């Protein structure tokens, strides 16, 4: 008994002088949504009529000009959907609907009947042409399968004529399981179907060549399309269409390669819904092309709303790592990623990178601008124990208008990472702000400012005497000193306190926070004690009091860390 291998590598497609790998895509294909038919039939709970109508309107808003809406002969609901779209005038003038049918007379007649009164539409007929189906499902020879395709096409023509239709109805034929079909036989079937249909405008005769079950590597789909187009004699009157399923996870790659091979039309669903592992995810392919500078004609700029509607209609959640629609896809937790994104998003860096790469968007770790799909920048960086100072500072800057000096970033990162480690999981942006305020701003400790006053010793405010009353480790001190401004004068006065080791002010900056009457000043200081610099901040409606608050925050942080007294 001969033992056969359970699996074997698909036979390569014989092709000479392969052209498609050296091409680039410069124009978008015709996009066709099959969400309401192929996608809907594979849902655990199919959409109800009202949901389908709302979904259809969403597809039109996104920009689809061809939408396969139903299998009218399969159910009364599907038939009624087509009637409602037509009778309620819900189909925009520039949109063609498509309806699917098998090659059986009564099904074809019911399908055509559903289209009465339509302004333009496509009748889509399919016949499985692989030997796997022909021999072992239909129990028919190749000759009988070809005859089925030709007779089905003739039945569509007869039904259209009987119902008074003319050129407003186009025809689509699918040799189902094209990628499992002998290529020469697929060509014979498609040529016979075209010759039966007769002359046509290119847009009105469509050969849809599907990867019904993905068994081949993606490049072989492209090879088959290139060979088919080379040998098929009626390309001037035919649109070659693609319909890839995702059984091996390669539907996007296979479709893009097949477009390079000469296909002009793509069928799929927004987030890949469909039988088994689903159809091509059109949102991924379209946004991939958009990221390469191609105007796709599809608008996913309100992606969060699209996600919400599709999830509601399908009962299936969008994966959080979906390349464009996922909740986490533009989010960085890793410290090095966060730091690179933060730096790359700075205005001057954006301008320089744009000039260097000669394109408007070039940001580390973000292959498209999240705003293009309705995402906000402040949600890009999320903080957990894996995060670094760059991501933490990004949150403070973009969420709360807190701009600490660069030298302070490592200290902030250590403090917040320590909390993240102890708690586990993710910290919210509000928690990050609160941890920062608690540990760096107006920090309480053994040093307390009781009273502050100043005298201007010149008219320009460059010669100041500051007088402060403080408490240090429970003892009261009254100190005064002169300086070239209020901050230097207070620093000089503090330095006279015997409870405080020798230090120097090495960093000072300030930034307003908020707007209008609610605005406050946020001051940052660094005090150097020996080899260690301690950073802190103060917040107050008065900038001088904010700066003095920062000085005392730094003293209190130093007392805790350096063990004063």
Protein backbone atom coordinates (compact mmCIF):
# COMPACT_ATOMS: atom_id res chain seq x y z
CA UNK A 1 0.00 0.00 0.00
CA UNK A 2 1.40 3.38 -1.08
CA UNK A 3 1.52 6.00 1.66
CA UNK A 4 0.63 9.46 0.43
CA UNK A 5 1.89 12.58 2.20
CA UNK A 6 -0.81 14.35 4.19
CA UNK A 7 0.16 17.69 2.63
CA UNK A 8 2.36 18.74 -0.25
CA UNK A 9 3.63 22.00 -1.69
CA UNK A 10 1.30 23.48 -4.37
CA UNK A 11 2.54 22.93 -7.89
CA UNK A 12 4.27 26.16 -9.05
CA UNK A 13 2.63 28.10 -11.85
CA UNK A 14 4.53 27.86 -15.09
CA UNK A 15 5.37 31.41 -16.09
CA UNK A 16 8.12 32.84 -18.22
CA UNK A 17 9.51 36.35 -17.85
CA UNK A 18 7.38 37.12 -14.79
CA UNK A 19 6.54 40.85 -14.79
CA UNK A 20 4.48 41.62 -11.71
CA UNK A 21 7.26 41.80 -9.06
CA UNK A 22 8.82 44.81 -10.81
CA UNK A 23 5.60 46.83 -11.02
CA UNK A 24 4.16 49.29 -8.54
CA UNK A 25 0.53 50.15 -7.89
CA UNK A 26 -0.23 53.75 -8.83
CA UNK A 27 -4.03 53.74 -9.03
CA UNK A 28 -6.60 52.07 -6.79
CA UNK A 29 -8.69 49.10 -7.88
CA UNK A 30 -12.46 49.17 -8.02
CA UNK A 31 -13.47 48.31 -4.46
CA UNK A 32 -16.43 45.97 -3.90
CA UNK A 33 -17.89 45.35 -0.47
CA UNK A 34 -19.36 41.90 0.07
CA UNK A 35 -20.14 42.56 3.76
CA UNK A 36 -23.89 42.26 3.25
CA UNK A 37 -23.66 38.95 1.41
CA UNK A 38 -20.46 36.94 1.93
CA UNK A 39 -19.74 38.62 5.26
CA UNK A 40 -23.29 38.44 6.52
CA UNK A 41 -23.83 34.77 5.64
CA UNK A 42 -20.87 33.84 7.86
CA UNK A 43 -22.04 35.70 10.99
CA UNK A 44 -23.20 33.65 13.98
CA UNK A 45 -26.33 35.82 14.00
CA UNK A 46 -26.99 37.37 10.55
CA UNK A 47 -28.04 41.01 10.34
CA UNK A 48 -31.70 41.92 10.48
CA UNK A 49 -33.20 44.07 7.66
CA UNK A 50 -32.83 47.41 9.47
CA UNK A 51 -29.22 46.68 10.36
CA UNK A 52 -28.51 45.83 6.71
CA UNK A 53 -29.98 49.14 5.56
CA UNK A 54 -27.86 51.11 8.02
CA UNK A 55 -24.81 49.08 7.04
CA UNK A 56 -25.46 49.76 3.35
CA UNK A 57 -25.61 53.49 4.04
CA UNK A 58 -22.31 53.29 5.93
CA UNK A 59 -20.68 51.51 2.99
CA UNK A 60 -21.87 54.28 0.66
CA UNK A 61 -20.50 56.91 3.04
CA UNK A 62 -17.10 55.19 3.09
CA UNK A 63 -17.06 55.45 -0.69
CA UNK A 64 -17.87 52.02 -2.10
CA UNK A 65 -19.29 52.27 -5.62
CA UNK A 66 -20.11 48.57 -5.93
CA UNK A 67 -21.80 46.66 -3.12
CA UNK A 68 -22.87 43.02 -3.25
CA UNK A 69 -26.07 43.17 -1.22
CA UNK A 70 -27.59 39.71 -1.16
CA UNK A 71 -28.33 36.25 -2.50
CA UNK A 72 -31.98 37.02 -3.39
CA UNK A 73 -32.99 33.46 -4.15
CA UNK A 74 -31.64 32.16 -0.84
CA UNK A 75 -34.21 33.74 1.47
CA UNK A 76 -37.16 36.10 1.55
CA UNK A 77 -35.14 38.50 3.70
CA UNK A 78 -32.43 38.75 1.03
CA UNK A 79 -35.00 39.26 -1.71
CA UNK A 80 -36.84 41.90 0.32
CA UNK A 81 -33.60 43.79 1.00
CA UNK A 82 -33.01 44.27 -2.71
CA UNK A 83 -36.60 45.37 -3.24
CA UNK A 84 -36.42 47.84 -0.39
CA UNK A 85 -33.17 49.38 -1.63
CA UNK A 86 -34.75 49.91 -5.05
CA UNK A 87 -38.28 50.92 -4.05
CA UNK A 88 -37.16 53.35 -1.32
CA UNK A 89 -34.56 54.85 -3.66
CA UNK A 90 -31.74 54.15 -1.20
CA UNK A 91 -29.09 53.43 -3.83
CA UNK A 92 -27.02 56.51 -4.80
CA UNK A 93 -26.86 57.17 -8.53
CA UNK A 94 -23.13 56.38 -8.65
CA UNK A 95 -23.42 53.06 -6.78
CA UNK A 96 -24.07 49.67 -8.40
CA UNK A 97 -25.50 46.86 -6.35
CA UNK A 98 -24.64 43.25 -7.07
CA UNK A 99 -26.71 40.10 -6.45
CA UNK A 100 -25.39 36.55 -6.35
CA UNK A 101 -26.90 33.40 -7.81
CA UNK A 102 -26.05 29.80 -8.59
CA UNK A 103 -26.36 28.42 -12.12
CA UNK A 104 -29.89 27.08 -11.74
CA UNK A 105 -32.83 28.38 -13.76
CA UNK A 106 -35.36 29.02 -11.01
CA UNK A 107 -32.72 30.68 -8.80
CA UNK A 108 -31.57 32.91 -11.65
CA UNK A 109 -35.14 33.95 -12.46
CA UNK A 110 -35.83 34.81 -8.81
CA UNK A 111 -32.58 36.80 -8.66
CA UNK A 112 -33.37 38.84 -11.76
CA UNK A 113 -36.92 39.41 -10.51
CA UNK A 114 -35.51 41.10 -7.40
CA UNK A 115 -33.85 43.76 -9.59
CA UNK A 116 -36.98 45.17 -11.24
CA UNK A 117 -36.75 48.96 -11.41
CA UNK A 118 -33.05 49.15 -10.55
CA UNK A 119 -31.04 51.87 -12.32
CA UNK A 120 -27.87 49.80 -12.57
CA UNK A 121 -26.77 46.48 -11.11
CA UNK A 122 -24.66 43.36 -11.58
CA UNK A 123 -25.85 39.78 -11.68
CA UNK A 124 -23.11 37.57 -10.24
CA UNK A 125 -23.16 33.89 -11.15
CA UNK A 126 -20.68 31.34 -9.85
CA UNK A 127 -19.73 27.78 -10.76
CA UNK A 128 -17.04 25.82 -8.90
CA UNK A 129 -14.47 24.77 -11.51
CA UNK A 130 -11.87 22.85 -9.49
CA UNK A 131 -11.55 19.10 -9.95
CA UNK A 132 -12.07 18.76 -6.21
CA UNK A 133 -15.56 20.21 -6.61
CA UNK A 134 -16.34 19.02 -10.11
CA UNK A 135 -15.39 15.36 -9.63
CA UNK A 136 -16.06 14.86 -5.93
CA UNK A 137 -18.92 17.25 -5.12
CA UNK A 138 -20.82 17.58 -8.42
CA UNK A 139 -19.72 14.19 -9.84
CA UNK A 140 -19.22 15.90 -13.18
CA UNK A 141 -16.49 15.95 -15.78
CA UNK A 142 -14.70 19.12 -16.80
CA UNK A 143 -16.79 19.21 -19.96
CA UNK A 144 -19.96 19.09 -17.88
CA UNK A 145 -18.70 21.84 -15.55
CA UNK A 146 -17.93 24.07 -18.56
CA UNK A 147 -21.40 23.38 -19.94
CA UNK A 148 -22.93 24.36 -16.59
CA UNK A 149 -21.12 27.73 -16.73
CA UNK A 150 -22.21 28.42 -20.31
CA UNK A 151 -25.82 27.37 -19.72
CA UNK A 152 -25.97 29.41 -16.52
CA UNK A 153 -24.76 32.46 -18.41
CA UNK A 154 -27.37 31.93 -21.12
CA UNK A 155 -30.07 31.58 -18.46
CA UNK A 156 -29.04 34.94 -16.99
CA UNK A 157 -29.25 36.53 -20.44
CA UNK A 158 -32.69 35.00 -21.04
CA UNK A 159 -34.01 36.12 -17.65
CA UNK A 160 -32.74 39.68 -18.15
CA UNK A 161 -34.36 39.85 -21.58
CA UNK A 162 -37.64 38.44 -20.28
CA UNK A 163 -37.74 41.15 -17.60
CA UNK A 164 -37.01 43.97 -20.05
CA UNK A 165 -33.47 44.71 -18.89
CA UNK A 166 -30.81 46.08 -21.20
CA UNK A 167 -27.35 47.54 -20.70
CA UNK A 168 -28.12 48.75 -17.17
CA UNK A 169 -27.28 45.25 -15.91
CA UNK A 170 -23.71 44.00 -15.95
CA UNK A 171 -22.59 40.41 -15.57
CA UNK A 172 -20.03 38.89 -13.22
CA UNK A 173 -18.88 35.31 -13.48
CA UNK A 174 -16.82 33.53 -10.82
CA UNK A 175 -15.03 30.25 -11.52
CA UNK A 176 -15.20 29.35 -7.83
CA UNK A 177 -11.99 27.83 -6.45
CA UNK A 178 -10.03 29.46 -9.26
CA UNK A 179 -6.71 28.95 -7.46
CA UNK A 180 -7.51 25.21 -7.10
CA UNK A 181 -8.52 24.92 -10.76
CA UNK A 182 -6.29 23.82 -13.62
CA UNK A 183 -5.37 27.16 -15.16
CA UNK A 184 -5.93 26.15 -18.77
CA UNK A 185 -9.35 24.78 -17.87
CA UNK A 186 -10.22 28.01 -16.00
CA UNK A 187 -9.28 29.90 -19.15
CA UNK A 188 -11.45 27.67 -21.30
CA UNK A 189 -14.45 28.19 -19.01
CA UNK A 190 -14.01 31.97 -18.86
CA UNK A 191 -13.55 32.31 -22.62
CA UNK A 192 -16.68 30.24 -23.24
CA UNK A 193 -18.67 32.37 -20.76
CA UNK A 194 -17.48 35.59 -22.44
CA UNK A 195 -18.29 34.31 -25.91
CA UNK A 196 -21.76 33.35 -24.71
CA UNK A 197 -22.34 36.80 -23.18
CA UNK A 198 -21.04 38.56 -26.29
CA UNK A 199 -19.59 42.05 -26.75
CA UNK A 200 -19.59 44.26 -23.68
CA UNK A 201 -18.25 47.41 -22.09
CA UNK A 202 -15.25 46.57 -19.94
CA UNK A 203 -16.99 47.58 -16.70
CA UNK A 204 -20.05 45.45 -17.51
CA UNK A 205 -18.36 42.07 -17.91
CA UNK A 206 -16.42 40.93 -14.86
CA UNK A 207 -14.43 37.76 -14.34
CA UNK A 208 -13.99 37.31 -10.63
CA UNK A 209 -11.06 34.91 -10.06
CA UNK A 210 -11.27 33.88 -6.42
CA UNK A 211 -8.89 32.25 -3.97
CA UNK A 212 -11.95 30.58 -2.46
CA UNK A 213 -9.84 28.51 -0.10
CA UNK A 214 -6.31 29.74 0.48
CA UNK A 215 -3.96 26.83 -0.17
CA UNK A 216 -1.26 28.49 -2.25
CA UNK A 217 1.42 30.96 -1.16
CA UNK A 218 0.37 34.51 -2.06
CA UNK A 219 2.81 34.96 -4.93
CA UNK A 220 1.25 32.02 -6.78
CA UNK A 221 -2.08 33.87 -6.89
CA UNK A 222 -0.29 36.68 -8.69
CA UNK A 223 1.39 34.23 -11.05
CA UNK A 224 -1.97 32.71 -11.96
CA UNK A 225 -3.49 36.15 -12.61
CA UNK A 226 -0.57 37.22 -14.80
CA UNK A 227 -0.73 34.03 -16.88
CA UNK A 228 -4.52 34.26 -17.15
CA UNK A 229 -4.40 37.85 -18.40
CA UNK A 230 -1.68 37.01 -20.91
CA UNK A 231 -3.70 34.16 -22.41
CA UNK A 232 -7.25 35.53 -22.13
CA UNK A 233 -8.14 37.22 -25.44
CA UNK A 234 -10.93 39.58 -24.35
CA UNK A 235 -9.26 41.91 -21.83
CA UNK A 236 -10.45 45.01 -23.70
CA UNK A 237 -14.04 43.99 -22.82
CA UNK A 238 -13.39 42.38 -19.42
CA UNK A 239 -12.60 43.49 -15.88
CA UNK A 240 -10.52 40.99 -13.91
CA UNK A 241 -11.56 40.89 -10.27
CA UNK A 242 -10.10 39.31 -7.12
CA UNK A 243 -11.78 37.65 -4.17
CA UNK A 244 -9.31 36.25 -1.63
CA UNK A 245 -10.11 34.33 1.50
CA UNK A 246 -7.76 34.34 4.47
CA UNK A 247 -7.36 30.67 5.40
CA UNK A 248 -3.57 31.00 5.68
CA UNK A 249 -3.56 34.63 6.76
CA UNK A 250 -2.22 35.94 3.46
CA UNK A 251 -5.32 37.46 1.80
CA UNK A 252 -3.97 41.04 1.90
CA UNK A 253 -0.57 40.06 0.53
CA UNK A 254 -2.07 37.78 -2.14
CA UNK A 255 -4.47 40.49 -3.29
CA UNK A 256 -1.83 43.19 -3.51
CA UNK A 257 0.44 40.90 -5.52
CA UNK A 258 -2.43 39.93 -7.81
CA UNK A 259 -3.15 43.63 -8.41
CA UNK A 260 0.46 44.01 -9.51
CA UNK A 261 -0.21 41.12 -11.89
CA UNK A 262 -2.95 43.10 -13.64
CA UNK A 263 -6.23 42.63 -11.76
CA UNK A 264 -8.40 45.75 -11.58
CA UNK A 265 -11.13 45.04 -9.06
CA UNK A 266 -11.15 43.75 -5.46
CA UNK A 267 -13.90 42.14 -3.41
CA UNK A 268 -13.74 41.92 0.37
CA UNK A 269 -15.24 42.99 3.66
CA UNK A 270 -14.34 45.92 5.89
CA UNK A 271 -12.77 43.91 8.70
CA UNK A 272 -12.45 40.58 6.93
CA UNK A 273 -15.71 38.92 7.98
CA UNK A 274 -16.54 35.83 5.98
CA UNK A 275 -16.56 32.04 6.01
CA UNK A 276 -13.89 30.26 8.09
CA UNK A 277 -11.06 32.78 8.66
CA UNK A 278 -12.85 35.34 6.51
CA UNK A 279 -12.39 37.41 3.38
CA UNK A 280 -9.78 39.93 2.43
CA UNK A 281 -9.95 42.84 4.88
CA UNK A 282 -10.50 45.79 2.56
CA UNK A 283 -9.74 48.36 5.25
CA UNK A 284 -6.22 46.97 5.63
CA UNK A 285 -5.46 46.82 1.91
CA UNK A 286 -6.95 50.26 1.21
CA UNK A 287 -5.10 51.93 4.08
CA UNK A 288 -1.88 50.15 3.12
CA UNK A 289 -2.20 51.73 -0.33
CA UNK A 290 -3.07 55.10 1.23
CA UNK A 291 0.14 54.84 3.29
CA UNK A 292 2.00 54.48 -0.02
CA UNK A 293 0.56 57.69 -1.39
CA UNK A 294 -2.39 56.29 -3.39
CA UNK A 295 -5.76 58.03 -3.23
CA UNK A 296 -7.97 54.98 -2.71
CA UNK A 297 -11.36 56.72 -2.90
CA UNK A 298 -12.34 55.12 0.43
CA UNK A 299 -12.72 57.22 3.57
CA UNK A 300 -11.82 55.59 6.89
CA UNK A 301 -11.21 58.89 8.68
CA UNK A 302 -13.96 58.08 11.18
CA UNK A 303 -12.66 54.61 11.97
CA UNK A 304 -13.87 54.50 15.61
CA UNK A 305 -17.48 55.02 14.45
CA UNK A 306 -17.06 52.40 11.70
CA UNK A 307 -15.69 49.93 14.25
CA UNK A 308 -18.63 50.58 16.55
CA UNK A 309 -21.19 50.02 13.79
CA UNK A 310 -19.55 46.87 12.41
CA UNK A 311 -19.15 45.37 15.88
CA UNK A 312 -22.79 46.12 16.66
CA UNK A 313 -24.02 44.66 13.35
CA UNK A 314 -21.82 41.56 13.39
CA UNK A 315 -21.58 40.73 17.08
CA UNK A 316 -17.84 40.26 16.52
CA UNK A 317 -15.27 42.50 18.21
CA UNK A 318 -12.45 44.01 16.18
CA UNK A 319 -9.14 42.62 17.40
CA UNK A 320 -7.23 45.21 19.47
CA UNK A 321 -4.17 44.60 17.25
CA UNK A 322 -6.01 45.04 13.95
CA UNK A 323 -3.54 47.08 11.86
CA UNK A 324 -5.75 50.17 11.60
CA UNK A 325 -8.93 49.68 13.61
CA UNK A 326 -7.58 48.02 16.76
CA UNK A 327 -7.73 49.89 20.04
CA UNK A 328 -4.03 49.23 20.71
CA UNK A 329 -2.59 49.47 17.22
CA UNK A 330 -1.19 53.00 17.55
CA UNK A 331 -0.32 52.54 21.20
CA UNK A 332 3.19 52.08 22.58
CA UNK A 333 3.94 50.57 26.00
CA UNK A 334 7.66 49.95 25.44
CA UNK A 335 9.89 52.68 26.81
CA UNK A 336 12.20 52.87 23.78
CA UNK A 337 9.23 53.02 21.40
CA UNK A 338 7.57 55.71 23.49
CA UNK A 339 10.71 57.81 23.56
CA UNK A 340 11.16 57.57 19.79
CA UNK A 341 7.50 58.47 19.13
CA UNK A 342 7.65 61.40 21.52
CA UNK A 343 10.78 62.79 19.88
CA UNK A 344 9.47 62.10 16.39
CA UNK A 345 6.23 63.95 17.11
CA UNK A 346 7.96 67.17 18.15
CA UNK A 347 7.19 69.95 15.70
CA UNK A 348 10.77 70.75 14.74
CA UNK A 349 11.67 67.07 14.34
CA UNK A 350 8.58 66.50 12.18
CA UNK A 351 9.61 69.38 9.93
CA UNK A 352 13.18 68.12 9.57
CA UNK A 353 12.17 64.50 8.87
CA UNK A 354 9.58 65.67 6.35
CA UNK A 355 12.25 67.62 4.50
CA UNK A 356 14.76 64.79 4.65
CA UNK A 357 12.41 62.03 3.45
CA UNK A 358 10.41 64.34 1.14
CA UNK A 359 7.07 63.29 2.57
CA UNK A 360 4.74 64.83 5.09
CA UNK A 361 4.54 61.94 7.56
CA UNK A 362 7.57 60.02 8.80
CA UNK A 363 7.37 59.26 12.51
CA UNK A 364 9.11 56.39 14.34
CA UNK A 365 6.87 53.34 14.87
CA UNK A 366 3.81 55.00 13.28
CA UNK A 367 3.52 54.07 9.61
CA UNK A 368 0.48 56.33 9.11
CA UNK A 369 -0.83 59.40 10.87
CA UNK A 370 -3.34 58.12 13.45
CA UNK A 371 -5.47 61.20 12.72
CA UNK A 372 -6.14 59.73 9.26
CA UNK A 373 -8.29 57.09 10.93
CA UNK A 374 -9.81 59.33 13.57
CA UNK A 375 -7.39 58.55 16.39
CA UNK A 376 -6.04 61.18 18.78
CA UNK A 377 -2.35 61.68 19.49
CA UNK A 378 -2.75 61.79 23.26
CA UNK A 379 -3.88 58.14 23.23
CA UNK A 380 -0.78 56.87 21.43
CA UNK A 381 1.28 56.17 24.52
CA UNK A 382 0.08 54.00 27.38
CA UNK A 383 2.00 53.43 30.58
CA UNK A 384 2.77 50.18 32.38
CA UNK A 385 5.86 48.58 33.91
CA UNK A 386 7.46 48.28 30.44
CA UNK A 387 7.23 52.00 29.77
CA UNK A 388 10.03 54.54 29.92
CA UNK A 389 10.52 58.16 30.72
CA UNK A 390 9.79 59.28 27.15
CA UNK A 391 6.27 57.85 27.18
CA UNK A 392 5.54 59.17 30.65
CA UNK A 393 6.65 62.68 29.72
CA UNK A 394 4.65 62.47 26.49
CA UNK A 395 1.51 61.86 28.56
CA UNK A 396 2.28 64.76 30.89
CA UNK A 397 2.96 67.11 27.98
CA UNK A 398 0.07 66.14 25.71
CA UNK A 399 -2.62 65.42 28.28
CA UNK A 400 -1.87 67.96 30.99
CA UNK A 401 0.34 70.67 29.47
CA UNK A 402 3.16 69.82 31.92
CA UNK A 403 6.57 70.29 30.29
CA UNK A 404 9.34 69.26 32.68
CA UNK A 405 12.93 69.98 31.62
CA UNK A 406 14.73 67.13 29.87
CA UNK A 407 17.15 66.69 32.78
CA UNK A 408 14.19 65.89 35.04
CA UNK A 409 12.80 63.10 32.83
CA UNK A 410 14.82 60.19 34.31
CA UNK A 411 13.65 60.98 37.85
CA UNK A 412 10.03 61.20 36.74
CA UNK A 413 10.37 57.89 34.87
CA UNK A 414 11.82 56.08 37.88
CA UNK A 415 9.12 57.27 40.26
CA UNK A 416 6.21 56.37 37.98
CA UNK A 417 7.73 53.06 36.87
CA UNK A 418 8.13 52.07 40.53
CA UNK A 419 4.41 52.64 41.08
CA UNK A 420 3.56 50.71 37.87
CA UNK A 421 5.73 47.80 39.03
CA UNK A 422 4.07 47.67 42.42
CA UNK A 423 0.51 47.90 41.09
CA UNK A 424 0.87 45.78 37.95
CA UNK A 425 -1.12 46.54 34.81
CA UNK A 426 -1.61 49.86 33.11
CA UNK A 427 -1.69 53.30 34.72
CA UNK A 428 -4.31 55.75 33.50
CA UNK A 429 -3.24 59.21 32.41
CA UNK A 430 -4.93 60.71 35.48
CA UNK A 431 -2.99 58.33 37.72
CA UNK A 432 0.25 59.37 36.02
CA UNK A 433 -0.54 63.04 36.60
CA UNK A 434 -1.44 62.44 40.24
CA UNK A 435 1.75 60.46 40.91
CA UNK A 436 3.78 63.25 39.34
CA UNK A 437 2.04 65.94 41.40
CA UNK A 438 2.37 63.96 44.63
CA UNK A 439 6.07 63.25 44.17
CA UNK A 440 7.37 66.40 42.49
CA UNK A 441 5.01 69.38 42.93
CA UNK A 442 4.60 71.31 46.18
CA UNK A 443 6.12 68.36 48.01
CA UNK A 444 5.65 68.41 51.76
CA UNK A 445 8.44 67.55 54.20
CA UNK A 446 10.63 69.00 56.94
CA UNK A 447 11.12 72.34 55.15
CA UNK A 448 8.14 74.68 55.26
CA UNK A 449 7.90 78.27 53.98
CA UNK A 450 6.02 80.33 56.55
CA UNK A 451 6.41 83.81 55.10
CA UNK A 452 8.01 85.54 52.13
CA UNK A 453 8.60 89.20 51.33
CA UNK A 454 10.87 91.15 49.02
CA UNK A 455 12.30 94.61 48.56
CA UNK A 456 13.37 95.96 45.19
CA UNK A 457 16.71 97.67 45.67
CA UNK A 458 16.74 99.23 42.19
CA UNK A 459 14.21 100.38 39.65
CA UNK A 460 14.84 97.54 37.18
CA UNK A 461 14.09 94.65 39.53
CA UNK A 462 17.59 93.25 39.10
CA UNK A 463 18.65 93.81 42.70
CA UNK A 464 16.31 92.14 45.18
CA UNK A 465 16.38 91.55 48.92
CA UNK A 466 14.28 88.53 49.94
CA UNK A 467 13.20 87.79 53.51
CA UNK A 468 11.81 84.37 54.39
CA UNK A 469 10.56 82.73 57.53
CA UNK A 470 10.89 78.97 57.38
CA UNK A 471 10.57 75.90 59.50
CA UNK A 472 13.30 73.25 59.21
CA UNK A 473 12.89 70.00 61.12
CA UNK A 474 10.57 71.77 63.54
CA UNK A 475 12.83 74.76 64.17
CA UNK A 476 12.04 78.32 63.05
CA UNK A 477 14.44 80.45 61.02
CA UNK A 478 14.25 83.99 59.68
CA UNK A 479 16.62 84.44 56.75
CA UNK A 480 17.35 87.20 54.27
CA UNK A 481 19.71 87.73 51.36
CA UNK A 482 20.17 89.72 48.19
CA UNK A 483 20.19 88.52 44.61
CA UNK A 484 19.81 89.64 41.00
CA UNK A 485 16.18 88.49 41.06
CA UNK A 486 13.65 87.05 43.48
CA UNK A 487 14.72 83.42 42.88
CA UNK A 488 18.43 83.99 43.33
CA UNK A 489 17.71 86.06 46.46
CA UNK A 490 15.58 83.28 48.00
CA UNK A 491 18.22 80.66 47.08
CA UNK A 492 20.85 82.75 48.81
CA UNK A 493 18.64 83.10 51.90
CA UNK A 494 17.90 79.36 52.07
CA UNK A 495 21.63 78.63 51.85
CA UNK A 496 22.10 80.39 55.20
CA UNK A 497 20.03 77.75 57.02
CA UNK A 498 22.30 75.48 59.07
CA UNK A 499 20.00 72.51 58.54
CA UNK A 500 20.64 72.46 54.79
CA UNK A 501 23.85 71.05 53.24
CA UNK A 502 25.67 73.15 50.65
CA UNK A 503 23.88 73.17 47.29
CA UNK A 504 23.65 75.11 44.03
CA UNK A 505 20.76 75.92 41.71
CA UNK A 506 21.60 74.25 38.38
CA UNK A 507 18.29 74.27 36.54
CA UNK A 508 15.32 76.61 36.47
CA UNK A 509 12.43 76.80 33.99
CA UNK A 510 8.81 77.85 34.03
CA UNK A 511 5.69 77.22 31.98
CA UNK A 512 2.12 78.43 32.22
CA UNK A 513 -0.49 75.72 32.64
CA UNK A 514 -4.10 76.21 31.56
CA UNK A 515 -5.66 79.31 30.01
CA UNK A 516 -7.40 82.50 31.12
CA UNK A 517 -8.40 83.03 34.71
CA UNK A 518 -7.72 79.36 35.51
CA UNK A 519 -4.12 79.52 34.34
CA UNK A 520 -1.35 78.72 36.82
CA UNK A 521 2.42 78.90 36.65
CA UNK A 522 4.47 75.73 36.90
CA UNK A 523 8.14 76.21 37.85
CA UNK A 524 10.86 73.54 37.77
CA UNK A 525 14.17 73.61 39.61
CA UNK A 526 17.20 71.40 40.02
CA UNK A 527 19.28 71.66 43.20
CA UNK A 528 22.70 70.03 43.15
CA UNK A 529 24.02 68.50 46.37
CA UNK A 530 27.50 67.17 45.71
CA UNK A 531 27.17 64.79 42.74
CA UNK A 532 23.38 64.39 43.00
CA UNK A 533 20.88 66.79 41.48
CA UNK A 534 17.34 66.75 42.90
CA UNK A 535 14.51 68.00 40.68
CA UNK A 536 11.11 69.24 41.74
CA UNK A 537 8.36 71.67 40.78
CA UNK A 538 6.00 74.22 42.27
CA UNK A 539 2.61 75.42 41.09
CA UNK A 540 0.95 78.73 41.97
CA UNK A 541 -1.02 81.51 40.34
CA UNK A 542 2.04 83.76 40.90
CA UNK A 543 5.20 82.74 39.04
CA UNK A 544 7.54 83.80 41.88
CA UNK A 545 5.58 81.83 44.44
CA UNK A 546 5.56 78.84 42.05
CA UNK A 547 9.36 79.05 41.81
CA UNK A 548 9.77 79.30 45.61
CA UNK A 549 7.40 76.35 45.96
CA UNK A 550 9.64 74.39 43.56
CA UNK A 551 12.69 75.22 45.70
CA UNK A 552 11.01 73.88 48.83
CA UNK A 553 9.73 70.82 46.95
CA UNK A 554 13.32 70.07 45.91
CA UNK A 555 14.57 70.56 49.49
CA UNK A 556 11.97 68.17 50.82
CA UNK A 557 12.74 65.56 48.15
CA UNK A 558 16.46 65.94 48.92
CA UNK A 559 15.83 65.54 52.65
CA UNK A 560 14.07 62.23 52.01
CA UNK A 561 16.56 60.90 49.46
CA UNK A 562 19.85 62.20 50.88
CA UNK A 563 18.87 61.72 54.52
CA UNK A 564 19.38 65.24 55.90
CA UNK A 565 19.75 65.61 59.68
